[in-house]
Amino acid sequence: MNSIRQTALITGAGSGIGRAIALAFAAEGLDVASADIDLDAAEAVTKSVEQQGVGGLALQADVGDVGEINQMVASVVEKFGKLDVIVNNAGVTRAGNIMDLNEEDWDWIHRVNAKGVFFCLQAAARQMIAQADGGHPGGRIINMGSISGRGFIGASNAAYAASKGAVISLTKTAAQQLGRHGITVNAICPGITRTPIVDNIIASRARDRGLSEDEIMVEFARDVPIERINEPEDIAAMAVFLASAGARNITGQSYNVDGGLITS
């Protein structure tokens, strides 16, 4: 990372992938704002961040609410004076067959996974552009896609897959339009990753099929060419790279981190 301390904001930072990214950024010397709909979870992550000798900030935010998004970004700038990196990680899903999904499911998933990512990206970009005008160039926007948006047969449900496809498309267009401001926009597309959300999906599928959760886990890993599913730290490592100087000329890309499940 740069010798000048950077400031990062991670949404959905209270657990799973978001928590791993927050801790990985802190280990790299970034100040970290951890936002989550669960304030207690965000505060717990912030304590761990601050133990690494960097600045931390815990925020409660519903990323489906544009007003709360704008306040979240404003709070980060008030605390740290700038925003260099945002990871739009917050997301929701549930296991479900396409014929079992309803309008409520669609709206719930897209409110967070698509609308939330778009308006978090927009709010962060607005701040980054203002900083560039003030002589502090560029910024890094990292969106959390999924291999479900690329046709993964094991997607939790079709509405979720559609929301992550939207994130991948948004990443391309945002990169094209924000590049002149020195802002890079990339996405990470995790494969099966051991998080609380995936644990819930595993439990649901085990109940539906009359199998144990361990049996479902074995099935998941069996399909992965390298025969292991992701840990959250695997995704965090990619986020660290995309926020680093080594990725300064990379933008508009969506990177699978999935052990080889999807090859396009």
C-alpha atoms as a PDB file:
ATOM      1  CA  MET A   1       0.000   0.000   0.000  1.00  0.00           C
ATOM      2  CA  ASN A   2       0.997   3.667  -0.190  1.00  0.00           C
ATOM      3  CA  SER A   3       3.223   5.097   2.548  1.00  0.00           C
ATOM      4  CA  ILE A   4       0.465   7.633   3.227  1.00  0.00           C
ATOM      5  CA  ARG A   5      -2.142   5.852   5.287  1.00  0.00           C
ATOM      6  CA  GLN A   6      -5.209   4.993   3.273  1.00  0.00           C
ATOM      7  CA  THR A   7      -8.802   4.873   4.503  1.00  0.00           C
ATOM      8  CA  ALA A   8     -11.098   2.010   3.574  1.00  0.00           C
ATOM      9  CA  LEU A   9     -14.817   1.450   4.076  1.00  0.00           C
ATOM     10  CA  ILE A  10     -16.217  -2.073   4.030  1.00  0.00           C
ATOM     11  CA  THR A  11     -19.952  -2.757   4.032  1.00  0.00           C
ATOM     12  CA  GLY A  12     -21.245  -5.958   5.554  1.00  0.00           C
ATOM     13  CA  ALA A  13     -18.084  -5.974   7.659  1.00  0.00           C
ATOM     14  CA  GLY A  14     -19.589  -7.580  10.739  1.00  0.00           C
ATOM     15  CA  SER A  15     -18.909 -11.182   9.742  1.00  0.00           C
ATOM     16  CA  GLY A  16     -17.670 -13.523   7.050  1.00  0.00           C
ATOM     17  CA  ILE A  17     -15.923 -12.036   4.028  1.00  0.00           C
ATOM     18  CA  GLY A  18     -16.418  -8.432   5.159  1.00  0.00           C
ATOM     19  CA  ARG A  19     -14.806  -9.100   8.509  1.00  0.00           C
ATOM     20  CA  ALA A  20     -11.854 -10.847   6.857  1.00  0.00           C
ATOM     21  CA  ILE A  21     -11.341  -7.899   4.498  1.00  0.00           C
ATOM     22  CA  ALA A  22     -11.480  -5.389   7.353  1.00  0.00           C
ATOM     23  CA  LEU A  23      -8.809  -7.294   9.277  1.00  0.00           C
ATOM     24  CA  ALA A  24      -6.658  -7.808   6.180  1.00  0.00           C
ATOM     25  CA  PHE A  25      -6.752  -4.098   5.348  1.00  0.00           C
ATOM     26  CA  ALA A  26      -5.851  -3.234   8.923  1.00  0.00           C
ATOM     27  CA  ALA A  27      -2.890  -5.610   8.715  1.00  0.00           C
ATOM     28  CA  GLU A  28      -1.771  -3.667   5.620  1.00  0.00           C
ATOM     29  CA  GLY A  29      -1.869  -0.410   7.594  1.00  0.00           C
ATOM     30  CA  LEU A  30      -5.157   1.080   6.375  1.00  0.00           C
ATOM     31  CA  ASP A  31      -7.593   2.887   8.628  1.00  0.00           C
ATOM     32  CA  VAL A  32     -10.816   0.895   8.408  1.00  0.00           C
ATOM     33  CA  ALA A  33     -14.468   1.863   8.709  1.00  0.00           C
ATOM     34  CA  SER A  34     -16.579  -1.243   9.295  1.00  0.00           C
ATOM     35  CA  ALA A  35     -20.241  -0.832   8.373  1.00  0.00           C
ATOM     36  CA  ASP A  36     -22.932  -3.389   9.062  1.00  0.00           C
ATOM     37  CA  ILE A  37     -26.649  -3.487   9.730  1.00  0.00           C
ATOM     38  CA  ASP A  38     -25.655  -5.107  13.053  1.00  0.00           C
ATOM     39  CA  LEU A  39     -23.833  -2.398  15.003  1.00  0.00           C
ATOM     40  CA  ASP A  40     -22.616  -4.808  17.693  1.00  0.00           C
ATOM     41  CA  ALA A  41     -20.905  -6.910  15.021  1.00  0.00           C
ATOM     42  CA  ALA A  42     -19.332  -3.821  13.441  1.00  0.00           C
ATOM     43  CA  GLU A  43     -18.044  -2.675  16.825  1.00  0.00           C
ATOM     44  CA  ALA A  44     -16.496  -6.081  17.517  1.00  0.00           C
ATOM     45  CA  VAL A  45     -14.623  -5.964  14.203  1.00  0.00           C
ATOM     46  CA  THR A  46     -13.502  -2.396  14.902  1.00  0.00           C
ATOM     47  CA  LYS A  47     -11.961  -3.472  18.207  1.00  0.00           C
ATOM     48  CA  SER A  48      -9.925  -6.081  16.333  1.00  0.00           C
ATOM     49  CA  VAL A  49      -8.951  -3.505  13.708  1.00  0.00           C
ATOM     50  CA  GLU A  50      -7.738  -1.016  16.308  1.00  0.00           C
ATOM     51  CA  GLN A  51      -5.673  -3.712  18.025  1.00  0.00           C
ATOM     52  CA  GLN A  52      -3.533  -3.711  14.882  1.00  0.00           C
ATOM     53  CA  GLY A  53      -2.534  -0.092  15.506  1.00  0.00           C
ATOM     54  CA  VAL A  54      -4.690   1.638  12.894  1.00  0.00           C
ATOM     55  CA  GLY A  55      -7.781   3.792  13.119  1.00  0.00           C
ATOM     56  CA  GLY A  56     -11.169   2.147  13.221  1.00  0.00           C
ATOM     57  CA  LEU A  57     -14.772   3.263  12.949  1.00  0.00           C
ATOM     58  CA  ALA A  58     -17.921   1.197  13.506  1.00  0.00           C
ATOM     59  CA  LEU A  59     -21.035   2.227  11.614  1.00  0.00           C
ATOM     60  CA  GLN A  60     -24.569   0.916  11.504  1.00  0.00           C
ATOM     61  CA  ALA A  61     -25.946   1.170   7.987  1.00  0.00           C
ATOM     62  CA  ASP A  62     -28.698  -0.374   5.898  1.00  0.00           C
ATOM     63  CA  VAL A  63     -27.249  -0.232   2.380  1.00  0.00           C
ATOM     64  CA  GLY A  64     -30.712  -0.538   0.898  1.00  0.00           C
ATOM     65  CA  ASP A  65     -31.422   2.991   2.151  1.00  0.00           C
ATOM     66  CA  VAL A  66     -29.764   5.767   0.122  1.00  0.00           C
ATOM     67  CA  GLY A  67     -29.976   8.238   2.994  1.00  0.00           C
ATOM     68  CA  GLU A  68     -28.108   5.854   5.269  1.00  0.00           C
ATOM     69  CA  ILE A  69     -25.510   5.238   2.558  1.00  0.00           C
ATOM     70  CA  ASN A  70     -24.825   8.953   2.208  1.00  0.00           C
ATOM     71  CA  GLN A  71     -24.568   9.358   5.974  1.00  0.00           C
ATOM     72  CA  MET A  72     -22.218   6.375   6.167  1.00  0.00           C
ATOM     73  CA  VAL A  73     -19.793   7.927   3.683  1.00  0.00           C
ATOM     74  CA  ALA A  74     -20.077  11.321   5.375  1.00  0.00           C
ATOM     75  CA  SER A  75     -19.220   9.722   8.729  1.00  0.00           C
ATOM     76  CA  VAL A  76     -16.092   8.129   7.276  1.00  0.00           C
ATOM     77  CA  VAL A  77     -14.927  11.453   5.841  1.00  0.00           C
ATOM     78  CA  GLU A  78     -15.708  13.253   9.099  1.00  0.00           C
ATOM     79  CA  LYS A  79     -13.586  10.737  11.023  1.00  0.00           C
ATOM     80  CA  PHE A  80     -10.662  10.230   8.640  1.00  0.00           C
ATOM     81  CA  GLY A  81     -10.809  13.219   6.297  1.00  0.00           C
ATOM     82  CA  LYS A  82     -11.014  11.129   3.118  1.00  0.00           C
ATOM     83  CA  LEU A  83     -12.101   7.865   1.544  1.00  0.00           C
ATOM     84  CA  ASP A  84      -9.614   5.946  -0.590  1.00  0.00           C
ATOM     85  CA  VAL A  85     -11.138   2.478  -0.872  1.00  0.00           C
ATOM     86  CA  ILE A  86     -14.656   1.106  -0.615  1.00  0.00           C
ATOM     87  CA  VAL A  87     -15.556  -2.572  -0.658  1.00  0.00           C
ATOM     88  CA  ASN A  88     -19.237  -3.022  -1.460  1.00  0.00           C
ATOM     89  CA  ASN A  89     -19.561  -6.352   0.260  1.00  0.00           C
ATOM     90  CA  ALA A  90     -22.952  -6.349   1.985  1.00  0.00           C
ATOM     91  CA  GLY A  91     -25.287  -8.927   0.486  1.00  0.00           C
ATOM     92  CA  VAL A  92     -28.232 -11.180   1.240  1.00  0.00           C
ATOM     93  CA  THR A  93     -29.681 -14.396  -0.135  1.00  0.00           C
ATOM     94  CA  ARG A  94     -31.548 -17.549   0.771  1.00  0.00           C
ATOM     95  CA  ALA A  95     -31.784 -20.997  -0.756  1.00  0.00           C
ATOM     96  CA  GLY A  96     -34.700 -21.333  -3.142  1.00  0.00           C
ATOM     97  CA  ASN A  97     -35.862 -22.887  -6.403  1.00  0.00           C
ATOM     98  CA  ILE A  98     -36.806 -20.484  -9.180  1.00  0.00           C
ATOM     99  CA  MET A  99     -40.463 -21.476  -8.919  1.00  0.00           C
ATOM    100  CA  ASP A 100     -40.526 -20.855  -5.166  1.00  0.00           C
ATOM    101  CA  LEU A 101     -39.317 -17.255  -5.300  1.00  0.00           C
ATOM    102  CA  ASN A 102     -41.777 -14.404  -4.917  1.00  0.00           C
ATOM    103  CA  GLU A 103     -41.809 -10.640  -5.324  1.00  0.00           C
ATOM    104  CA  GLU A 104     -40.749 -10.137  -1.723  1.00  0.00           C
ATOM    105  CA  ASP A 105     -37.663 -12.307  -2.265  1.00  0.00           C
ATOM    106  CA  TRP A 106     -36.741 -10.417  -5.436  1.00  0.00           C
ATOM    107  CA  ASP A 107     -37.134  -7.001  -3.828  1.00  0.00           C
ATOM    108  CA  TRP A 108     -35.246  -7.989  -0.656  1.00  0.00           C
ATOM    109  CA  ILE A 109     -32.278  -9.412  -2.570  1.00  0.00           C
ATOM    110  CA  HIS A 110     -32.021  -6.648  -5.180  1.00  0.00           C
ATOM    111  CA  ARG A 111     -32.513  -3.861  -2.629  1.00  0.00           C
ATOM    112  CA  VAL A 112     -29.224  -4.829  -0.989  1.00  0.00           C
ATOM    113  CA  ASN A 113     -27.231  -6.652  -3.663  1.00  0.00           C
ATOM    114  CA  ALA A 114     -27.925  -4.405  -6.661  1.00  0.00           C
ATOM    115  CA  LYS A 115     -29.424  -1.111  -5.477  1.00  0.00           C
ATOM    116  CA  GLY A 116     -27.155  -1.052  -2.431  1.00  0.00           C
ATOM    117  CA  VAL A 117     -23.997  -1.669  -4.423  1.00  0.00           C
ATOM    118  CA  PHE A 118     -24.917   0.982  -6.997  1.00  0.00           C
ATOM    119  CA  PHE A 119     -25.627   3.756  -4.509  1.00  0.00           C
ATOM    120  CA  CYS A 120     -22.647   2.882  -2.287  1.00  0.00           C
ATOM    121  CA  LEU A 121     -20.471   3.046  -5.407  1.00  0.00           C
ATOM    122  CA  GLN A 122     -22.022   6.370  -6.402  1.00  0.00           C
ATOM    123  CA  ALA A 123     -21.620   7.927  -2.953  1.00  0.00           C
ATOM    124  CA  ALA A 124     -18.004   6.780  -2.699  1.00  0.00           C
ATOM    125  CA  ALA A 125     -17.218   7.990  -6.216  1.00  0.00           C
ATOM    126  CA  ARG A 126     -18.725  11.391  -5.452  1.00  0.00           C
ATOM    127  CA  GLN A 127     -16.320  11.737  -2.519  1.00  0.00           C
ATOM    128  CA  MET A 128     -13.361  10.406  -4.484  1.00  0.00           C
ATOM    129  CA  ILE A 129     -14.011  12.844  -7.332  1.00  0.00           C
ATOM    130  CA  ALA A 130     -14.158  15.737  -4.849  1.00  0.00           C
ATOM    131  CA  GLN A 131     -10.848  14.599  -3.384  1.00  0.00           C
ATOM    132  CA  ALA A 132      -9.298  14.443  -6.861  1.00  0.00           C
ATOM    133  CA  ASP A 133     -10.411  17.997  -7.512  1.00  0.00           C
ATOM    134  CA  GLY A 134      -8.693  18.898  -4.252  1.00  0.00           C
ATOM    135  CA  GLY A 135      -5.421  17.329  -5.321  1.00  0.00           C
ATOM    136  CA  HIS A 136      -5.845  13.876  -3.735  1.00  0.00           C
ATOM    137  CA  PRO A 137      -6.008  11.659  -6.816  1.00  0.00           C
ATOM    138  CA  GLY A 138      -8.006   8.538  -7.440  1.00  0.00           C
ATOM    139  CA  GLY A 139      -9.692   5.884  -5.440  1.00  0.00           C
ATOM    140  CA  ARG A 140     -10.468   2.182  -5.473  1.00  0.00           C
ATOM    141  CA  ILE A 141     -13.968   0.727  -5.672  1.00  0.00           C
ATOM    142  CA  ILE A 142     -14.268  -3.017  -5.150  1.00  0.00           C
ATOM    143  CA  ASN A 143     -17.652  -4.651  -5.645  1.00  0.00           C
ATOM    144  CA  MET A 144     -18.577  -8.096  -4.390  1.00  0.00           C
ATOM    145  CA  GLY A 145     -19.977 -10.144  -7.241  1.00  0.00           C
ATOM    146  CA  SER A 146     -20.299 -13.917  -7.258  1.00  0.00           C
ATOM    147  CA  ILE A 147     -19.751 -16.807  -9.621  1.00  0.00           C
ATOM    148  CA  SER A 148     -23.542 -17.126  -9.346  1.00  0.00           C
ATOM    149  CA  GLY A 149     -23.660 -14.110 -11.668  1.00  0.00           C
ATOM    150  CA  ARG A 150     -21.634 -16.108 -14.205  1.00  0.00           C
ATOM    151  CA  GLY A 151     -23.822 -19.170 -14.474  1.00  0.00           C
ATOM    152  CA  PHE A 152     -22.750 -21.263 -11.464  1.00  0.00           C
ATOM    153  CA  ILE A 153     -25.233 -24.133 -11.262  1.00  0.00           C
ATOM    154  CA  GLY A 154     -25.059 -24.131  -7.472  1.00  0.00           C
ATOM    155  CA  ALA A 155     -26.371 -20.551  -7.055  1.00  0.00           C
ATOM    156  CA  SER A 156     -28.530 -20.131  -3.975  1.00  0.00           C
ATOM    157  CA  ASN A 157     -31.380 -18.874  -6.161  1.00  0.00           C
ATOM    158  CA  ALA A 158     -32.099 -17.205  -9.500  1.00  0.00           C
ATOM    159  CA  ALA A 159     -32.852 -13.770  -8.033  1.00  0.00           C
ATOM    160  CA  TYR A 160     -29.488 -13.779  -6.276  1.00  0.00           C
ATOM    161  CA  ALA A 161     -27.756 -14.808  -9.513  1.00  0.00           C
ATOM    162  CA  ALA A 162     -29.494 -11.927 -11.313  1.00  0.00           C
ATOM    163  CA  SER A 163     -28.400  -9.441  -8.648  1.00  0.00           C
ATOM    164  CA  LYS A 164     -24.779 -10.517  -8.938  1.00  0.00           C
ATOM    165  CA  GLY A 165     -24.944 -10.372 -12.717  1.00  0.00           C
ATOM    166  CA  ALA A 166     -26.034  -6.770 -12.261  1.00  0.00           C
ATOM    167  CA  VAL A 167     -22.974  -6.113 -10.090  1.00  0.00           C
ATOM    168  CA  ILE A 168     -20.651  -7.516 -12.745  1.00  0.00           C
ATOM    169  CA  SER A 169     -22.227  -5.322 -15.456  1.00  0.00           C
ATOM    170  CA  LEU A 170     -22.209  -2.265 -13.202  1.00  0.00           C
ATOM    171  CA  THR A 171     -18.517  -2.783 -12.533  1.00  0.00           C
ATOM    172  CA  LYS A 172     -17.702  -2.565 -16.256  1.00  0.00           C
ATOM    173  CA  THR A 173     -19.700   0.586 -16.944  1.00  0.00           C
ATOM    174  CA  ALA A 174     -18.611   2.330 -13.739  1.00  0.00           C
ATOM    175  CA  ALA A 175     -14.971   1.658 -14.606  1.00  0.00           C
ATOM    176  CA  GLN A 176     -15.437   3.213 -18.034  1.00  0.00           C
ATOM    177  CA  GLN A 177     -17.106   6.339 -16.677  1.00  0.00           C
ATOM    178  CA  LEU A 178     -14.995   6.883 -13.565  1.00  0.00           C
ATOM    179  CA  GLY A 179     -11.567   6.137 -15.023  1.00  0.00           C
ATOM    180  CA  ARG A 180     -10.947   9.752 -16.029  1.00  0.00           C
ATOM    181  CA  HIS A 181     -11.101  10.638 -12.329  1.00  0.00           C
ATOM    182  CA  GLY A 182      -8.373   8.132 -11.501  1.00  0.00           C
ATOM    183  CA  ILE A 183     -10.873   5.757  -9.897  1.00  0.00           C
ATOM    184  CA  THR A 184     -10.574   2.038 -10.560  1.00  0.00           C
ATOM    185  CA  VAL A 185     -13.618  -0.207 -10.266  1.00  0.00           C
ATOM    186  CA  ASN A 186     -13.286  -3.974 -10.034  1.00  0.00           C
ATOM    187  CA  ALA A 187     -15.295  -6.888  -8.708  1.00  0.00           C
ATOM    188  CA  ILE A 188     -14.474 -10.071  -6.867  1.00  0.00           C
ATOM    189  CA  CYS A 189     -16.608 -13.109  -7.668  1.00  0.00           C
ATOM    190  CA  PRO A 190     -16.274 -15.614  -4.828  1.00  0.00           C
ATOM    191  CA  GLY A 191     -17.095 -19.236  -5.247  1.00  0.00           C
ATOM    192  CA  ILE A 192     -18.369 -21.286  -2.336  1.00  0.00           C
ATOM    193  CA  THR A 193     -17.041 -19.553   0.770  1.00  0.00           C
ATOM    194  CA  ARG A 194     -17.515 -20.628   4.372  1.00  0.00           C
ATOM    195  CA  THR A 195     -19.569 -17.742   5.773  1.00  0.00           C
ATOM    196  CA  PRO A 196     -22.700 -17.516   7.963  1.00  0.00           C
ATOM    197  CA  ILE A 197     -24.831 -17.065   4.814  1.00  0.00           C
ATOM    198  CA  VAL A 198     -23.403 -20.213   3.218  1.00  0.00           C
ATOM    199  CA  ASP A 199     -23.795 -22.097   6.493  1.00  0.00           C
ATOM    200  CA  ASN A 200     -27.511 -21.238   6.385  1.00  0.00           C
ATOM    201  CA  ILE A 201     -27.770 -22.451   2.778  1.00  0.00           C
ATOM    202  CA  ILE A 202     -25.992 -25.689   3.677  1.00  0.00           C
ATOM    203  CA  ALA A 203     -28.396 -26.243   6.571  1.00  0.00           C
ATOM    204  CA  SER A 204     -31.401 -25.569   4.329  1.00  0.00           C
ATOM    205  CA  ARG A 205     -30.237 -27.967   1.618  1.00  0.00           C
ATOM    206  CA  ALA A 206     -29.415 -30.632   4.174  1.00  0.00           C
ATOM    207  CA  ARG A 207     -32.966 -30.430   5.553  1.00  0.00           C
ATOM    208  CA  ASP A 208     -34.527 -30.474   2.094  1.00  0.00           C
ATOM    209  CA  ARG A 209     -32.557 -33.539   0.993  1.00  0.00           C
ATOM    210  CA  GLY A 210     -32.488 -35.453   4.259  1.00  0.00           C
ATOM    211  CA  LEU A 211     -28.691 -35.312   4.435  1.00  0.00           C
ATOM    212  CA  SER A 212     -26.264 -34.105   7.065  1.00  0.00           C
ATOM    213  CA  GLU A 213     -24.585 -30.740   6.736  1.00  0.00           C
ATOM    214  CA  ASP A 214     -21.232 -32.522   6.492  1.00  0.00           C
ATOM    215  CA  GLU A 215     -22.505 -34.515   3.508  1.00  0.00           C
ATOM    216  CA  ILE A 216     -23.571 -31.306   1.769  1.00  0.00           C
ATOM    217  CA  MET A 217     -20.156 -29.799   2.469  1.00  0.00           C
ATOM    218  CA  VAL A 218     -18.441 -32.844   0.944  1.00  0.00           C
ATOM    219  CA  GLU A 219     -20.591 -32.420  -2.181  1.00  0.00           C
ATOM    220  CA  PHE A 220     -19.649 -28.738  -2.422  1.00  0.00           C
ATOM    221  CA  ALA A 221     -15.917 -29.436  -2.138  1.00  0.00           C
ATOM    222  CA  ARG A 222     -16.087 -32.409  -4.539  1.00  0.00           C
ATOM    223  CA  ASP A 223     -17.000 -30.117  -7.429  1.00  0.00           C
ATOM    224  CA  VAL A 224     -14.069 -27.750  -6.829  1.00  0.00           C
ATOM    225  CA  PRO A 225     -11.033 -28.666  -8.947  1.00  0.00           C
ATOM    226  CA  ILE A 226      -8.591 -27.910  -6.144  1.00  0.00           C
ATOM    227  CA  GLU A 227     -10.893 -29.785  -3.721  1.00  0.00           C
ATOM    228  CA  ARG A 228     -11.358 -27.069  -1.150  1.00  0.00           C
ATOM    229  CA  ILE A 229     -13.869 -24.284  -0.749  1.00  0.00           C
ATOM    230  CA  ASN A 230     -12.871 -20.723   0.079  1.00  0.00           C
ATOM    231  CA  GLU A 231     -12.221 -19.361   3.487  1.00  0.00           C
ATOM    232  CA  PRO A 232     -13.088 -15.656   3.857  1.00  0.00           C
ATOM    233  CA  GLU A 233      -9.373 -14.871   3.958  1.00  0.00           C
ATOM    234  CA  ASP A 234      -9.039 -16.086   0.350  1.00  0.00           C
ATOM    235  CA  ILE A 235     -11.391 -13.329  -0.769  1.00  0.00           C
ATOM    236  CA  ALA A 236      -9.705 -10.787   1.487  1.00  0.00           C
ATOM    237  CA  ALA A 237      -6.366 -11.473  -0.191  1.00  0.00           C
ATOM    238  CA  MET A 238      -7.826 -10.487  -3.561  1.00  0.00           C
ATOM    239  CA  ALA A 239      -9.331  -7.328  -2.051  1.00  0.00           C
ATOM    240  CA  VAL A 240      -5.932  -6.370  -0.640  1.00  0.00           C
ATOM    241  CA  PHE A 241      -4.373  -6.777  -4.083  1.00  0.00           C
ATOM    242  CA  LEU A 242      -7.058  -4.732  -5.855  1.00  0.00           C
ATOM    243  CA  ALA A 243      -6.556  -1.937  -3.315  1.00  0.00           C
ATOM    244  CA  SER A 244      -2.777  -2.018  -3.727  1.00  0.00           C
ATOM    245  CA  ALA A 245      -0.426  -0.035  -5.963  1.00  0.00           C
ATOM    246  CA  GLY A 246       0.132  -3.180  -7.990  1.00  0.00           C
ATOM    247  CA  ALA A 247      -3.454  -2.951  -9.281  1.00  0.00           C
ATOM    248  CA  ARG A 248      -3.301   0.718 -10.273  1.00  0.00           C
ATOM    249  CA  ASN A 249      -3.850  -0.047 -13.963  1.00  0.00           C
ATOM    250  CA  ILE A 250      -6.509  -2.720 -13.495  1.00  0.00           C
ATOM    251  CA  THR A 251     -10.127  -1.653 -13.836  1.00  0.00           C
ATOM    252  CA  GLY A 252     -13.446  -2.958 -15.120  1.00  0.00           C
ATOM    253  CA  GLN A 253     -12.538  -6.539 -14.276  1.00  0.00           C
ATOM    254  CA  SER A 254     -14.342  -9.239 -12.301  1.00  0.00           C
ATOM    255  CA  TYR A 255     -12.119 -11.891 -10.766  1.00  0.00           C
ATOM    256  CA  ASN A 256     -13.291 -15.368  -9.825  1.00  0.00           C
ATOM    257  CA  VAL A 257     -11.892 -16.722  -6.564  1.00  0.00           C
ATOM    258  CA  ASP A 258     -13.421 -20.176  -6.630  1.00  0.00           C
ATOM    259  CA  GLY A 259     -10.835 -22.913  -6.908  1.00  0.00           C
ATOM    260  CA  GLY A 260     -11.595 -23.346 -10.592  1.00  0.00           C
ATOM    261  CA  LEU A 261     -15.363 -23.901 -10.487  1.00  0.00           C
ATOM    262  CA  ILE A 262     -16.036 -21.312 -13.209  1.00  0.00           C
ATOM    263  CA  THR A 263     -13.419 -20.732 -15.902  1.00  0.00           C
ATOM    264  CA  SER A 264     -14.899 -17.741 -17.693  1.00  0.00           C
END
